[in-house]
Protein backbone atom coordinates (compact mmCIF):
# COMPACT_ATOMS: atom_id res chain seq x y z
CA MET A 1 8.25 -9.13 175.18
CA THR A 2 9.55 -5.69 174.17
CA LEU A 3 9.44 -2.31 175.90
CA SER A 4 6.91 -1.20 173.29
CA SER A 5 4.50 -4.06 174.05
CA LEU A 6 5.02 -3.61 177.78
CA VAL A 7 4.09 0.06 177.51
CA ALA A 8 1.17 -0.55 175.13
CA ALA A 9 -0.34 -3.15 177.47
CA SER A 10 -0.32 -0.80 180.45
CA THR A 11 -1.62 2.42 178.88
CA THR A 12 -5.15 3.73 178.75
CA PRO A 13 -6.72 5.54 175.77
CA ALA A 14 -5.66 9.20 175.48
CA ALA A 15 -5.83 12.05 172.98
CA VAL A 16 -2.10 11.60 172.22
CA ARG A 17 -0.66 8.22 171.28
CA PRO A 18 1.59 6.72 173.97
CA ALA A 19 5.31 7.17 173.45
CA ILE A 20 8.61 5.82 174.70
CA MET A 21 11.23 8.45 175.46
CA VAL A 22 14.71 7.53 174.19
CA VAL A 23 17.51 9.68 175.62
CA ALA A 24 21.22 10.25 175.01
CA PHE A 25 23.51 13.14 175.96
CA GLU A 26 26.92 14.17 174.73
CA GLY A 27 29.49 14.49 177.48
CA TRP A 28 30.41 12.41 180.51
CA ASN A 29 28.22 9.39 179.67
CA ASP A 30 29.01 9.28 175.96
CA ALA A 31 32.41 7.65 175.39
CA GLY A 32 33.35 7.79 171.73
CA ASP A 33 30.10 9.68 171.05
CA ALA A 34 28.51 6.22 170.74
CA ALA A 35 25.22 6.97 172.52
CA SER A 36 24.52 10.37 170.96
CA SER A 37 25.46 9.01 167.53
CA ALA A 38 23.11 6.05 168.03
CA LEU A 39 20.23 8.41 168.82
CA LYS A 40 21.09 10.50 165.76
CA THR A 41 20.80 7.33 163.66
CA ILE A 42 17.37 6.57 165.15
CA LYS A 43 16.23 10.13 164.46
CA ALA A 44 17.28 9.95 160.80
CA ALA A 45 15.79 6.48 160.29
CA THR A 46 12.39 7.37 161.77
CA GLY A 47 12.01 10.83 160.26
CA ALA A 48 11.48 12.30 163.71
CA VAL A 49 10.07 15.84 163.79
CA LYS A 50 11.43 18.48 166.15
CA LEU A 51 9.00 19.55 168.86
CA ALA A 52 11.00 21.77 171.16
CA GLY A 53 14.37 22.90 172.43
CA ILE A 54 15.35 23.46 176.05
CA GLY A 55 16.61 26.93 176.99
CA ASP A 56 20.34 27.17 176.43
CA GLU A 57 21.40 29.91 178.83
CA ASP A 58 19.40 28.40 181.68
CA TYR A 59 21.51 25.26 181.84
CA TYR A 60 24.82 25.63 179.99
CA ASP A 61 28.15 27.18 180.92
CA TYR A 62 29.53 28.30 177.58
CA GLN A 63 33.11 28.30 178.89
CA PHE A 64 32.70 24.57 179.56
CA SER A 65 30.42 23.59 176.66
CA ARG A 66 31.62 26.06 174.07
CA PRO A 67 29.50 27.08 171.08
CA LEU A 68 30.83 26.12 167.65
CA MET A 69 31.33 28.35 164.63
CA GLN A 70 30.09 26.52 161.51
CA ARG A 71 28.90 27.15 157.97
CA ASN A 72 25.32 26.25 157.13
CA ALA A 73 24.02 24.75 153.89
CA LYS A 74 24.09 28.19 152.27
CA GLY A 75 27.74 28.73 153.20
CA LYS A 76 26.97 31.34 155.86
CA ARG A 77 28.88 31.28 159.13
CA VAL A 78 26.59 30.54 162.05
CA ILE A 79 27.03 29.74 165.73
CA LYS A 80 25.85 26.35 166.98
CA TRP A 81 24.97 26.62 170.65
CA PRO A 82 24.99 23.65 173.03
CA THR A 83 21.39 22.67 173.60
CA THR A 84 18.94 19.82 174.04
CA ARG A 85 16.26 19.09 171.47
CA ILE A 86 13.15 16.92 171.60
CA TYR A 87 11.75 15.08 168.57
CA ARG A 88 8.74 12.83 168.01
CA ALA A 89 8.66 9.91 165.59
CA VAL A 90 5.83 7.66 164.43
CA VAL A 91 7.01 4.05 164.04
CA PRO A 92 5.06 2.05 161.43
CA ASP A 93 3.15 -0.97 162.80
CA SER A 94 4.02 0.00 166.37
CA PRO A 95 1.49 0.67 169.14
CA VAL A 96 3.65 3.51 170.48
CA ASP A 97 5.58 6.49 169.13
CA LEU A 98 9.10 7.56 170.04
CA LEU A 99 10.05 10.78 171.81
CA LEU A 100 13.75 11.36 171.16
CA VAL A 101 15.77 13.58 173.50
CA ARG A 102 19.30 14.42 172.31
CA GLY A 103 21.57 17.11 173.63
CA VAL A 104 24.63 18.14 175.57
CA GLU A 105 24.84 17.33 179.27
CA PRO A 106 23.91 20.56 181.11
CA SER A 107 26.40 22.40 183.29
CA PHE A 108 24.06 23.29 186.14
CA ARG A 109 20.46 23.28 187.46
CA TRP A 110 20.04 19.59 186.69
CA LYS A 111 16.85 19.19 188.73
CA SER A 112 15.10 21.99 186.86
CA PHE A 113 16.43 20.63 183.57
CA ILE A 114 15.02 17.16 184.24
CA ALA A 115 11.74 18.58 185.51
CA GLU A 116 11.38 20.42 182.20
CA ILE A 117 12.04 17.23 180.23
CA LEU A 118 9.59 15.18 182.29
CA THR A 119 6.93 17.88 181.99
CA ARG A 120 7.27 17.71 178.24
CA ALA A 121 7.20 13.92 178.45
CA GLU A 122 3.89 14.05 180.30
CA GLU A 123 2.44 16.38 177.65
CA GLU A 124 3.52 13.89 174.96
CA ASN A 125 2.01 10.92 176.83
CA VAL A 126 5.35 9.22 177.48
CA GLN A 127 4.75 5.87 179.16
CA GLY A 128 8.28 4.46 179.23
CA VAL A 129 11.89 5.66 179.20
CA MET A 130 15.06 4.25 177.62
CA VAL A 131 18.38 5.96 178.33
CA MET A 132 21.58 5.15 176.44
CA GLY A 133 25.18 5.60 177.47
CA ALA A 134 28.72 4.46 176.67
CA LEU A 135 31.69 4.06 179.00
CA LEU A 136 35.42 3.55 178.65
CA ALA A 137 36.42 0.03 179.65
CA ASP A 138 39.35 -2.38 179.68
CA VAL A 139 38.03 -4.37 176.72
CA PRO A 140 39.78 -5.28 173.43
CA HIS A 141 38.65 -3.71 170.18
CA THR A 142 38.98 -7.07 168.44
CA ARG A 143 36.16 -8.79 170.31
CA PRO A 144 32.39 -8.36 169.82
CA ILE A 145 30.87 -5.47 171.74
CA GLN A 146 27.46 -6.02 173.23
CA ALA A 147 25.27 -3.62 175.18
CA SER A 148 24.00 -4.44 178.66
CA VAL A 149 20.51 -3.57 179.90
CA SER A 150 19.60 -2.68 183.49
CA SER A 151 16.56 -1.41 185.34
CA GLU A 152 15.48 -0.65 188.89
CA ASP A 153 11.94 -1.77 188.07
CA PRO A 154 11.36 -5.47 188.93
CA ALA A 155 8.54 -5.71 186.37
CA VAL A 156 10.80 -4.39 183.61
CA ARG A 157 13.61 -6.76 184.61
CA GLU A 158 11.30 -9.76 184.57
CA ALA A 159 9.62 -8.85 181.28
CA LEU A 160 12.75 -7.84 179.35
CA GLY A 161 15.50 -9.89 180.98
CA ALA A 162 17.36 -6.85 182.32
CA HIS A 163 19.61 -7.02 185.37
CA ALA A 164 19.31 -4.97 188.53
CA ALA A 165 21.24 -1.71 188.66
CA GLY A 166 23.88 -1.82 191.37
CA TYR A 167 26.30 1.01 190.62
CA GLU A 168 27.14 3.49 193.39
CA GLY A 169 29.32 6.52 192.76
CA PRO A 170 29.48 9.71 190.68
CA THR A 171 26.71 9.90 188.14
CA GLY A 172 25.82 11.80 184.98
CA ILE A 173 22.65 13.36 183.68
CA VAL A 174 21.32 10.07 182.23
CA GLY A 175 21.63 8.38 185.63
CA VAL A 176 19.75 11.22 187.32
CA LEU A 177 17.09 11.29 184.60
CA ALA A 178 16.56 7.52 184.88
CA GLN A 179 16.01 7.74 188.62
CA PHE A 180 13.63 10.70 188.34
CA ALA A 181 11.67 8.89 185.62
CA GLU A 182 11.39 5.79 187.80
CA ALA A 183 10.22 7.93 190.72
CA ALA A 184 7.54 9.35 188.42
CA GLY A 185 6.24 5.81 187.83
CA LEU A 186 7.59 5.36 184.30
CA PRO A 187 9.02 1.95 183.30
CA THR A 188 12.69 2.80 182.76
CA LEU A 189 15.72 0.93 181.49
CA SER A 190 19.34 1.83 180.76
CA ILE A 191 21.43 0.52 177.85
CA TRP A 192 25.22 0.80 178.02
CA SER A 193 28.00 -0.24 175.68
CA ALA A 194 31.74 -0.40 176.38
CA VAL A 195 34.38 1.49 174.40
CA PRO A 196 38.03 0.32 174.55
CA HIS A 197 39.72 3.02 176.60
CA TYR A 198 42.85 3.07 174.42
CA VAL A 199 40.76 4.21 171.42
CA ALA A 200 38.43 6.55 173.27
CA GLN A 201 38.28 9.30 170.64
CA PRO A 202 35.12 9.44 168.52
CA PRO A 203 33.71 7.99 166.45
CA SER A 204 33.18 4.54 167.95
CA PRO A 205 30.94 2.79 165.41
CA LYS A 206 31.31 -0.66 166.96
CA ALA A 207 29.90 0.51 170.31
CA GLN A 208 27.22 2.51 168.49
CA LEU A 209 26.22 -0.63 166.60
CA ALA A 210 25.91 -2.58 169.85
CA LEU A 211 23.54 0.02 171.27
CA LEU A 212 21.38 0.06 168.16
CA HIS A 213 21.06 -3.72 168.10
CA ARG A 214 19.68 -3.58 171.63
CA VAL A 215 17.30 -0.80 170.64
CA GLU A 216 16.06 -2.91 167.73
CA GLU A 217 15.29 -5.76 170.10
CA LEU A 218 13.65 -3.73 172.84
CA LEU A 219 11.35 -1.39 170.94
CA PRO A 220 11.26 -3.22 168.39
CA LEU A 221 12.63 -1.08 165.58
CA ALA A 222 14.05 -2.12 162.19
CA LEU A 223 17.07 -0.04 161.17
CA ASP A 224 19.29 -0.16 158.11
CA LEU A 225 22.67 -0.69 159.76
CA HIS A 226 24.61 -1.81 156.70
CA GLU A 227 26.67 1.38 156.39
CA LEU A 228 27.36 1.48 160.13
CA THR A 229 28.44 -2.17 160.03
CA GLU A 230 30.93 -1.33 157.28
CA ASP A 231 32.17 1.63 159.33
CA ALA A 232 32.66 -0.64 162.35
CA LEU A 233 34.68 -3.13 160.30
CA ALA A 234 36.81 -0.32 158.89
CA TRP A 235 37.30 1.11 162.40
CA GLU A 236 38.45 -2.28 163.69
CA ARG A 237 40.90 -2.69 160.80
CA GLY A 238 42.26 0.80 161.44
CA VAL A 239 42.82 0.13 165.13
CA ASP A 240 44.43 -3.21 164.21
CA ALA A 241 46.93 -1.36 162.03
CA LEU A 242 47.75 1.13 164.79
CA ALA A 243 48.08 -1.59 167.42
CA THR A 244 50.38 -3.80 165.37
CA GLY A 245 52.66 -0.81 164.80
CA ASP A 246 53.36 -0.48 168.52
CA ALA A 247 54.70 -3.55 170.35
CA ASP A 248 53.50 -2.35 173.76
CA VAL A 249 49.97 -1.68 172.53
CA ALA A 250 49.85 -5.00 170.68
CA ALA A 251 50.91 -6.86 173.83
CA TYR A 252 48.31 -5.01 175.88
CA VAL A 253 45.53 -5.83 173.40
CA GLU A 254 46.56 -9.49 173.47
CA GLN A 255 46.40 -9.41 177.27
CA LEU A 256 42.86 -7.98 177.14
CA GLU A 257 41.85 -10.62 174.59
CA GLN A 258 43.09 -13.44 176.78
CA ALA A 259 41.39 -12.05 179.86
CA GLN A 260 38.04 -11.66 178.07
CA ASP A 261 38.25 -15.05 176.37
CA GLU A 262 38.92 -16.78 179.69
CA THR A 263 35.95 -15.14 181.41
CA ALA A 264 33.65 -15.62 178.40
CA LEU A 265 33.75 -19.43 178.28
CA PRO A 266 31.72 -21.16 177.06
CA GLU A 267 31.74 -18.89 174.03
CA ALA A 268 28.19 -19.53 172.84
CA THR A 269 25.62 -18.93 175.57
CA GLY A 270 21.99 -19.85 175.00
CA GLU A 271 20.97 -16.21 175.38
CA ALA A 272 23.49 -15.03 172.76
CA ILE A 273 22.42 -17.70 170.27
CA ALA A 274 18.71 -16.97 170.80
CA ARG A 275 19.24 -13.23 170.37
CA GLU A 276 21.23 -13.74 167.18
CA PHE A 277 18.57 -16.07 165.75
CA GLU A 278 15.76 -13.60 166.54
CA ARG A 279 17.71 -10.84 164.80
CA TYR A 280 18.23 -13.08 161.77
CA LEU A 281 14.51 -13.86 161.54
CA LYS A 282 13.56 -10.20 161.87
CA ARG A 283 15.83 -9.15 159.02
CA ARG A 284 14.84 -12.11 156.86
CA HIS A 285 11.17 -11.14 157.08
CA GLY A 286 11.64 -7.77 155.45
CA ALA A 287 13.24 -5.65 158.15
CA ALA A 288 15.38 -2.83 156.84
CA GLY A 289 19.10 -3.42 156.89
CA THR A 290 19.24 -6.98 155.47
CA HIS A 291 22.52 -7.42 153.59
CA GLU A 292 23.80 -10.93 153.16
CA GLY A 293 27.52 -11.48 153.22
CA HIS A 294 28.31 -8.68 155.67
CA GLN A 295 29.40 -9.81 159.09
CA ASP A 296 28.37 -7.59 161.96
CA PRO A 297 31.46 -6.97 164.12
CA GLY A 298 29.31 -5.93 167.07
CA SER A 299 27.17 -9.04 167.24
CA ARG A 300 28.41 -12.43 166.07
CA PRO A 301 27.16 -15.93 166.88
CA GLY A 302 28.94 -17.20 169.96
CA ALA A 303 29.61 -13.70 171.26
CA PRO A 304 30.81 -13.51 174.88
CA PRO A 305 28.52 -12.09 177.56
CA ALA A 306 27.90 -8.37 177.32
CA PRO A 307 30.19 -6.08 179.34
CA GLN A 308 28.70 -4.96 182.61
CA SER A 309 27.07 -1.56 182.60
CA PRO A 310 28.19 1.18 184.98
CA ASP A 311 25.11 0.29 187.02
CA THR A 312 26.86 -2.95 187.99
CA PRO A 313 29.58 -3.15 190.68
CA GLY A 314 33.02 -3.93 189.34
CA THR A 315 32.64 -2.35 185.91
CA PRO A 316 36.17 -2.14 184.43
CA TRP A 317 36.32 1.46 183.28
CA SER A 318 39.73 2.98 182.90
CA SER A 319 41.18 4.21 186.19
CA ASP A 320 43.49 6.51 184.26
CA THR A 321 40.63 8.68 183.05
CA PRO A 322 38.17 9.20 185.95
CA ASP A 323 36.82 12.43 184.54
CA SER A 324 36.44 11.20 180.97
CA PRO A 325 33.16 10.98 179.03
CA GLY A 326 33.26 7.24 179.61
CA SER A 327 33.15 7.40 183.38
CA PRO A 328 30.15 5.67 185.00
CA GLU A 329 26.84 7.49 184.64
């Protein structure tokens, strides 16, 4: 069972094909830019077409989310304003389309902002919602990163094997959007990956890869992740080099490794093995991104259980950075 098949089975014929809305925002819920980068990858892979943008000045404080001065393809200096854009993508051989929402977390008027997104979602016949986020956590960069899936909807949990959301505390725009979508009767799930808090600066390709693997399983969607896999391996080697050059950091990483290894026994769970085998079969049967001889650092056979999402009590985000982009929801 995937989110796509779950949505397709529950929809009625309409003038517009049903769609699943996939959402990620830069800012508080996007440690290492992993979630927003993952959505950018999906947009490029699916050839998604822009439908609309959401009014900048209505929702953004430009002293907080500052515009950027850049040069465009013609070499002309232009200003890039913080905004949120909506795209639609047709997925081959899928009963549903994708509605991609990618932007910067707004500064104010969140309820109106979400109402505008959900109004557009209704116009586009959205029948399910997937939100992505990334948080800073006390996890080692040397171990596989997996993404956890949670939902408040019992039917979604039963069909997709998600766990119940249990987080209580400060939240971000994706947490609010997920709750509003659930209140509107849309099957909704959240996908979160952990980013080692001592390498919080973007990019974080290993966490991005973990998110995209989950997306592939839940939609389903075949993505060419070869280049991203190479980036994740290079990122891990780079962090290795930095860590070994500092005795204190090296000792701390070793401590995190030991703690995770002890809690992850036995190493190979039935769920991890089954997920890895399904991914192997999908790529073997012509899915994009099949490249033999390249080991995926974000998903290896025998991987330990996925880190808990910020919807789960006891999530080990860094207490030193409570206001960071990796803080819970």
